[in-house]
Protein backbone atom coordinates (compact mmCIF):
# COMPACT_ATOMS: atom_id res chain seq x y z
CA MET A 1 0.00 0.03 -0.04
CA ALA A 2 1.40 3.48 -0.95
CA PRO A 3 1.88 5.77 2.12
CA PRO A 4 -0.99 8.45 2.48
CA ALA A 5 -0.46 11.90 1.20
CA ILE A 6 -1.26 13.29 4.64
CA ALA A 7 0.56 11.91 7.72
CA LEU A 8 -1.26 11.51 10.93
CA SER A 9 0.20 11.84 14.33
CA VAL A 10 -1.17 11.95 17.86
CA LEU A 11 -1.28 14.54 20.71
CA ASP A 12 -2.27 12.95 23.92
CA GLN A 13 -3.03 15.31 26.93
CA SER A 14 -3.62 12.28 29.22
CA PRO A 15 -7.22 13.44 30.11
CA VAL A 16 -8.66 12.38 33.48
CA ARG A 17 -12.49 11.62 33.28
CA ALA A 18 -14.98 12.41 36.13
CA GLY A 19 -14.66 9.63 38.67
CA GLY A 20 -11.45 8.61 37.35
CA THR A 21 -7.81 8.83 38.36
CA ALA A 22 -4.40 10.00 36.88
CA ALA A 23 -3.27 6.49 37.08
CA GLN A 24 -6.10 5.38 34.70
CA ALA A 25 -5.23 8.42 32.44
CA PHE A 26 -1.54 7.17 32.15
CA ALA A 27 -2.66 3.45 31.59
CA GLU A 28 -4.87 4.86 28.73
CA THR A 29 -1.93 6.93 27.24
CA LEU A 30 0.07 3.70 27.05
CA LYS A 31 -2.81 1.77 25.53
CA LEU A 32 -3.51 4.42 22.99
CA ALA A 33 0.23 4.76 22.12
CA ARG A 34 0.45 1.09 21.38
CA ALA A 35 -2.70 1.34 19.29
CA ALA A 36 -1.41 4.44 17.36
CA GLU A 37 1.78 2.62 16.55
CA ARG A 38 -0.16 -0.46 15.22
CA LEU A 39 -2.49 1.72 13.30
CA GLY A 40 0.19 3.59 11.44
CA TYR A 41 0.45 6.97 13.05
CA ARG A 42 3.71 8.62 12.61
CA ARG A 43 4.37 10.36 15.94
CA TYR A 44 2.94 10.06 19.58
CA TRP A 45 3.37 13.37 21.51
CA VAL A 46 2.35 13.87 25.24
CA ALA A 47 1.77 17.36 26.69
CA GLU A 48 2.72 19.27 29.69
CA HIS A 49 0.09 20.79 32.00
CA HIS A 50 0.45 21.78 35.63
CA ALA A 51 -2.12 22.03 38.64
CA THR A 52 -4.75 20.76 36.19
CA GLU A 53 -6.99 18.13 37.58
CA GLY A 54 -8.29 17.29 34.32
CA LEU A 55 -4.91 16.55 32.56
CA ALA A 56 -2.48 14.25 34.11
CA GLY A 57 0.73 14.91 32.17
CA ALA A 58 2.88 17.30 34.29
CA ALA A 59 6.12 15.74 33.26
CA PRO A 60 6.45 14.76 29.63
CA GLU A 61 10.04 13.68 29.56
CA ILE A 62 9.06 10.95 31.85
CA LEU A 63 5.98 9.91 29.87
CA VAL A 64 8.11 10.08 26.65
CA ALA A 65 10.39 7.38 28.27
CA ARG A 66 7.54 5.26 29.27
CA VAL A 67 5.74 5.49 25.81
CA ALA A 68 8.97 4.78 23.94
CA ALA A 69 9.69 1.65 26.13
CA GLU A 70 5.93 0.43 25.30
CA THR A 71 6.50 0.80 21.48
CA SER A 72 9.13 0.10 19.07
CA SER A 73 8.86 2.06 15.79
CA ILE A 74 6.57 5.21 16.31
CA ARG A 75 8.35 8.57 16.91
CA VAL A 76 7.74 9.70 20.42
CA GLY A 77 8.00 13.20 21.82
CA SER A 78 6.91 16.10 23.89
CA GLY A 79 4.11 18.18 22.75
CA GLY A 80 5.66 20.00 24.40
CA VAL A 81 7.97 20.95 27.06
CA MET A 82 7.36 24.37 28.46
CA LEU A 83 10.90 25.67 28.17
CA SER A 84 10.40 28.91 30.03
CA HIS A 85 10.21 27.04 33.23
CA TYR A 86 13.50 25.13 32.85
CA SER A 87 17.21 25.08 32.13
CA PRO A 88 17.99 24.64 28.47
CA LEU A 89 20.98 22.46 29.34
CA LYS A 90 18.87 20.05 31.61
CA VAL A 91 16.23 19.75 28.95
CA ALA A 92 18.82 19.04 26.43
CA GLU A 93 20.44 16.47 28.78
CA ASN A 94 16.93 14.74 29.13
CA PHE A 95 16.27 14.41 25.66
CA ARG A 96 19.93 13.38 24.72
CA VAL A 97 19.26 10.50 27.24
CA LEU A 98 16.07 9.69 25.56
CA GLU A 99 17.74 9.78 22.16
CA THR A 100 20.37 7.46 23.53
CA LEU A 101 17.81 4.99 24.64
CA TYR A 102 15.74 5.11 21.70
CA PRO A 103 17.79 6.28 18.60
CA GLY A 104 15.99 7.98 15.85
CA ARG A 105 12.63 8.00 17.46
CA ILE A 106 12.66 10.99 19.86
CA ASP A 107 10.98 14.39 19.18
CA LEU A 108 11.53 17.44 21.25
CA GLY A 109 8.60 19.74 21.09
CA ILE A 110 8.99 23.12 22.76
CA GLY A 111 6.17 25.24 23.99
CA ARG A 112 6.37 28.95 24.94
CA ALA A 113 3.11 29.13 27.15
CA PRO A 114 3.36 28.38 30.82
CA GLY A 115 0.85 25.40 30.81
CA SER A 116 -0.32 26.47 34.09
CA ASP A 117 -1.75 29.30 36.11
CA ALA A 118 0.40 32.32 37.00
CA LEU A 119 1.03 31.19 40.47
CA THR A 120 2.14 27.70 39.52
CA ALA A 121 4.37 29.22 36.79
CA ARG A 122 6.17 31.37 39.26
CA ALA A 123 6.77 28.13 41.51
CA LEU A 124 8.21 26.10 38.52
CA GLN A 125 10.50 29.10 37.71
CA ALA A 126 11.44 29.84 41.38
CA GLY A 127 15.19 29.94 42.16
CA PRO A 128 18.31 31.90 41.30
CA GLY A 129 18.60 32.83 37.61
CA ALA A 130 14.90 32.40 36.64
CA LEU A 131 14.12 34.20 33.34
CA PRO A 132 11.02 35.75 32.20
CA VAL A 133 9.35 34.68 29.00
CA GLU A 134 10.93 37.33 26.92
CA TYR A 135 14.09 35.31 27.03
CA PHE A 136 12.35 32.46 25.30
CA PRO A 137 14.19 32.87 22.08
CA THR A 138 17.47 32.94 23.72
CA GLN A 139 16.55 29.71 25.74
CA VAL A 140 15.68 27.99 22.40
CA ARG A 141 18.97 29.10 20.79
CA ASP A 142 20.95 27.80 23.71
CA LEU A 143 18.86 24.45 23.77
CA LEU A 144 19.77 24.04 20.11
CA GLY A 145 23.39 24.67 20.94
CA TYR A 146 23.28 21.98 23.68
CA LEU A 147 21.75 19.42 21.35
CA GLY A 148 24.59 19.77 18.84
CA ASP A 149 24.64 22.98 17.05
CA GLY A 150 27.22 24.30 19.34
CA LEU A 151 27.21 27.47 21.29
CA PRO A 152 29.07 30.76 20.10
CA ALA A 153 32.66 31.03 21.46
CA GLU A 154 31.93 34.02 23.43
CA HIS A 155 28.85 32.26 25.28
CA PRO A 156 29.65 31.80 28.91
CA PHE A 157 28.74 28.13 28.90
CA ALA A 158 30.57 27.39 25.58
CA ARG A 159 33.06 25.01 27.19
CA ILE A 160 30.61 22.77 28.54
CA ARG A 161 30.64 19.17 27.18
CA VAL A 162 26.93 17.92 27.10
CA THR A 163 26.57 14.21 27.77
CA PRO A 164 25.54 11.67 26.80
CA GLU A 165 26.49 11.89 23.15
CA PRO A 166 24.07 10.01 20.95
CA ALA A 167 24.69 8.98 17.44
CA SER A 168 21.62 11.08 16.35
CA ARG A 169 19.73 14.04 17.74
CA PRO A 170 16.15 14.57 18.68
CA GLU A 171 13.91 16.28 16.06
CA VAL A 172 13.19 19.86 17.49
CA TRP A 173 9.76 21.23 16.94
CA LEU A 174 8.33 24.59 18.27
CA LEU A 175 4.74 24.68 19.11
CA GLY A 176 2.38 27.66 19.17
CA SER A 177 -0.95 29.22 18.62
CA SER A 178 0.27 32.63 17.37
CA ASP A 179 2.99 34.05 15.27
CA GLN A 180 5.61 34.37 18.21
CA SER A 181 6.89 30.76 18.32
CA ALA A 182 6.50 30.54 14.47
CA MET A 183 8.95 33.54 14.05
CA VAL A 184 11.42 31.99 16.55
CA ALA A 185 11.14 28.71 14.62
CA ALA A 186 11.76 30.49 11.31
CA TYR A 187 14.63 32.41 12.58
CA LEU A 188 16.53 29.40 14.30
CA GLY A 189 15.56 27.00 11.54
CA CYS A 190 13.29 24.59 13.48
CA ALA A 191 10.16 22.62 12.48
CA PHE A 192 6.87 24.47 13.56
CA SER A 193 3.37 23.09 14.59
CA PHE A 194 0.54 25.43 14.88
CA ALA A 195 -2.01 24.57 17.59
CA HIS A 196 -5.23 24.94 15.33
CA PHE A 197 -7.13 23.21 18.28
CA ILE A 198 -6.27 26.25 20.44
CA ASN A 199 -6.61 29.00 18.00
CA ASP A 200 -7.77 28.95 14.47
CA GLN A 201 -7.69 32.64 13.68
CA GLY A 202 -4.97 33.66 11.35
CA GLY A 203 -3.30 30.17 11.56
CA PRO A 204 -2.62 29.78 7.70
CA GLU A 205 -1.15 33.20 7.63
CA VAL A 206 1.16 32.36 10.45
CA MET A 207 2.26 29.14 8.79
CA ALA A 208 2.82 31.04 5.60
CA ALA A 209 4.93 33.62 7.28
CA TYR A 210 6.90 30.85 8.89
CA ARG A 211 7.66 29.24 5.64
CA GLU A 212 8.68 32.64 4.06
CA ARG A 213 10.97 33.61 6.78
CA PHE A 214 12.52 30.28 7.45
CA ARG A 215 16.37 30.29 7.53
CA PRO A 216 18.19 26.93 7.11
CA SER A 217 19.99 25.64 10.05
CA PRO A 218 22.44 22.76 10.80
CA HIS A 219 19.48 20.64 11.91
CA LEU A 220 16.83 21.44 9.23
CA ALA A 221 17.40 22.48 5.77
CA ALA A 222 13.88 23.54 4.60
CA PRO A 223 10.76 24.54 6.63
CA LEU A 224 8.71 21.71 8.09
CA GLY A 225 5.23 22.29 9.47
CA SER A 226 2.23 20.49 10.93
CA ILE A 227 -1.00 21.56 12.75
CA GLY A 228 -2.60 20.33 15.96
CA VAL A 229 -6.35 19.56 15.29
CA PHE A 230 -9.06 18.43 17.71
CA VAL A 231 -10.88 15.53 16.03
CA LEU A 232 -13.68 13.26 17.22
CA VAL A 233 -14.92 10.54 14.74
CA ALA A 234 -17.79 8.06 15.22
CA GLU A 235 -19.60 5.51 13.04
CA THR A 236 -22.29 8.28 12.36
CA GLU A 237 -22.40 12.10 12.56
CA ALA A 238 -25.13 11.89 15.29
CA GLU A 239 -22.93 9.70 17.39
CA ALA A 240 -19.84 11.83 17.05
CA ASP A 241 -22.00 14.82 18.02
CA ARG A 242 -23.26 13.04 21.18
CA LEU A 243 -19.77 11.92 22.16
CA ALA A 244 -18.43 15.50 21.81
CA ARG A 245 -20.89 17.03 24.24
CA SER A 246 -18.57 16.00 27.16
CA ARG A 247 -15.89 17.91 25.34
CA ASP A 248 -18.09 20.85 24.72
CA LEU A 249 -18.68 21.23 28.48
CA SER A 250 -15.19 20.50 29.41
CA ARG A 251 -13.79 23.30 27.00
CA LEU A 252 -16.40 25.65 28.31
CA ARG A 253 -15.35 25.19 31.86
CA LEU A 254 -11.80 25.62 30.82
CA ASP A 255 -12.70 29.03 29.22
CA GLN A 256 -14.27 29.73 32.60
CA GLY A 257 -11.24 28.90 34.48
CA TYR A 258 -12.22 25.44 35.88
CA LEU A 259 -9.68 22.79 35.17
CA GLY A 260 -11.32 19.87 36.39
CA PRO A 261 -11.75 16.31 34.81
CA VAL A 262 -13.69 15.52 31.67
CA PRO A 263 -17.42 15.48 32.47
CA SER A 264 -19.67 12.39 31.39
CA ILE A 265 -22.08 12.86 28.54
CA ALA A 266 -25.00 12.61 30.90
CA GLU A 267 -23.58 15.53 33.00
CA ALA A 268 -22.83 17.53 29.81
CA GLU A 269 -26.72 17.00 28.56
CA ALA A 270 -27.99 17.81 32.00
CA TYR A 271 -26.06 21.08 32.35
CA PRO A 272 -28.33 24.30 32.28
CA TYR A 273 -26.50 26.20 29.59
CA SER A 274 -27.11 29.86 29.29
CA ARG A 275 -27.47 31.50 25.82
CA GLU A 276 -23.97 32.94 26.18
CA GLU A 277 -22.64 29.59 27.01
CA ARG A 278 -24.18 27.96 23.92
CA LEU A 279 -22.56 30.54 21.85
CA ARG A 280 -19.32 30.04 23.31
CA ILE A 281 -19.64 26.16 22.63
CA ALA A 282 -20.68 27.06 19.08
CA PHE A 283 -17.52 29.15 18.69
CA ASN A 284 -15.29 26.59 20.07
CA ARG A 285 -16.83 23.83 17.76
CA ARG A 286 -15.63 25.90 14.77
CA ARG A 287 -12.08 24.78 15.23
CA MET A 288 -13.00 21.16 15.89
CA VAL A 289 -13.48 18.32 13.50
CA ILE A 290 -16.45 16.18 14.68
CA GLY A 291 -18.28 13.65 12.42
CA ALA A 292 -18.41 10.38 10.38
CA PRO A 293 -15.13 9.32 8.94
CA GLU A 294 -15.69 10.70 5.48
CA GLN A 295 -16.74 13.92 6.94
CA ALA A 296 -13.87 14.07 9.14
CA LYS A 297 -11.46 13.39 6.29
CA ALA A 298 -12.83 15.90 3.97
CA ARG A 299 -12.45 18.58 6.54
CA LEU A 300 -9.03 17.69 7.64
CA LEU A 301 -7.93 17.60 4.05
CA GLU A 302 -9.16 21.09 3.61
CA LEU A 303 -7.36 22.19 6.74
CA ALA A 304 -4.16 20.75 5.48
CA GLU A 305 -4.62 22.53 2.13
CA GLN A 306 -5.27 25.71 3.94
CA TYR A 307 -2.20 25.44 6.10
CA ALA A 308 -0.10 23.95 3.32
CA VAL A 309 1.09 21.08 5.61
CA GLY A 310 1.55 17.36 5.16
CA GLU A 311 0.96 16.41 8.66
CA LEU A 312 -1.96 16.60 11.19
CA VAL A 313 -1.32 15.90 14.89
CA VAL A 314 -4.66 14.84 16.25
CA VAL A 315 -5.90 15.51 19.65
CA THR A 316 -9.10 13.55 20.62
CA ILE A 317 -10.78 13.72 24.13
CA CYS A 318 -14.13 12.44 25.23
CA TYR A 319 -15.30 10.78 28.42
CA ASP A 320 -15.33 7.21 27.29
CA PHE A 321 -11.89 5.87 26.38
CA ALA A 322 -13.30 3.12 23.96
CA ALA A 323 -14.86 5.76 22.10
CA ARG A 324 -11.69 7.76 21.96
CA LEU A 325 -9.69 4.87 20.74
CA ARG A 326 -12.23 4.07 18.21
CA SER A 327 -12.02 7.41 16.75
CA TYR A 328 -8.46 7.01 16.15
CA GLU A 329 -9.06 3.66 14.51
CA LEU A 330 -11.87 5.16 12.22
CA LEU A 331 -9.39 8.11 11.25
CA ALA A 332 -6.66 5.66 10.49
CA GLY A 333 -8.93 3.58 8.16
CA VAL A 334 -10.46 6.37 6.28
CA PHE A 335 -7.01 7.93 5.62
CA GLY A 336 -5.61 4.60 4.68
CA LEU A 337 -2.66 4.45 7.08
CA GLU A 338 -0.52 1.45 6.65
CA PRO A 339 -0.83 -0.78 9.87
CA ARG A 340 2.70 -1.62 11.47
CA ARG A 341 3.29 -5.30 12.03
CA ALA A 342 4.50 -6.40 15.54
């Protein structure tokens, strides 16, 4: 079977359902990762969120190691590490260890947003030498240097020998929902993934600007882009719409500052929505892809064309894990992904 024109990957935020636990969420992450590899997805990325009861993944570097150990061929990475909280040297060491353990399979996705509330962000950054977010481009430059590009001779840490020294290097992606990370990615010659599932406004223009301003680097010769899209597929449009109701309420609550677990469909259907809340749900649905397999495929191909990308990173959240897994199965089938053999 010929490879599909559009590659599909997975972004897993390790959602916790109402009445469930973080341990269950992580077990589902591992089960979904094994299924994604078997189904033919290209990458499996895990996210970083803090002080968030509904999303369990606070330490993506640990989850990356566990997912890579559970799989054998799919690329595994962070989607992403929130670099503003951390030392670029330590992040480089973490991912050089991962690349040594799983050569040719590790992605290092870097985010600029805090992935938390302001107080938690301050706690994560507490300590001598903590830098504000304005230093993010410098942090990315230093990170690339530690990963193998090298630091300028005048850099205060230029003489540091970063270990271990893997035969290959992680693939570095910058992630963002605005033009800021896109311009850093273009200037430093990194791959860029636009978070359409967070913000769909101006996305194609941001991706076009990234390509136009891209400067080749030692680790990437030409621009490389993807988009993250929320997708929920079921056998019928009506069933997909029903499953998505728990996501509707969960996203609405997130917009209102509530970071709790994913509600059940019954809870979502019983919720007394105000007119303003229903308008907000309709607004959020604009950037989601929800429907039967062929409907979803048509919309995703349309988005890929609008953004001029060849890869879609799919995030799927609903209350029932079996339905979530089935969504990825149906999507792989309609796109003709080539299953991997064990």
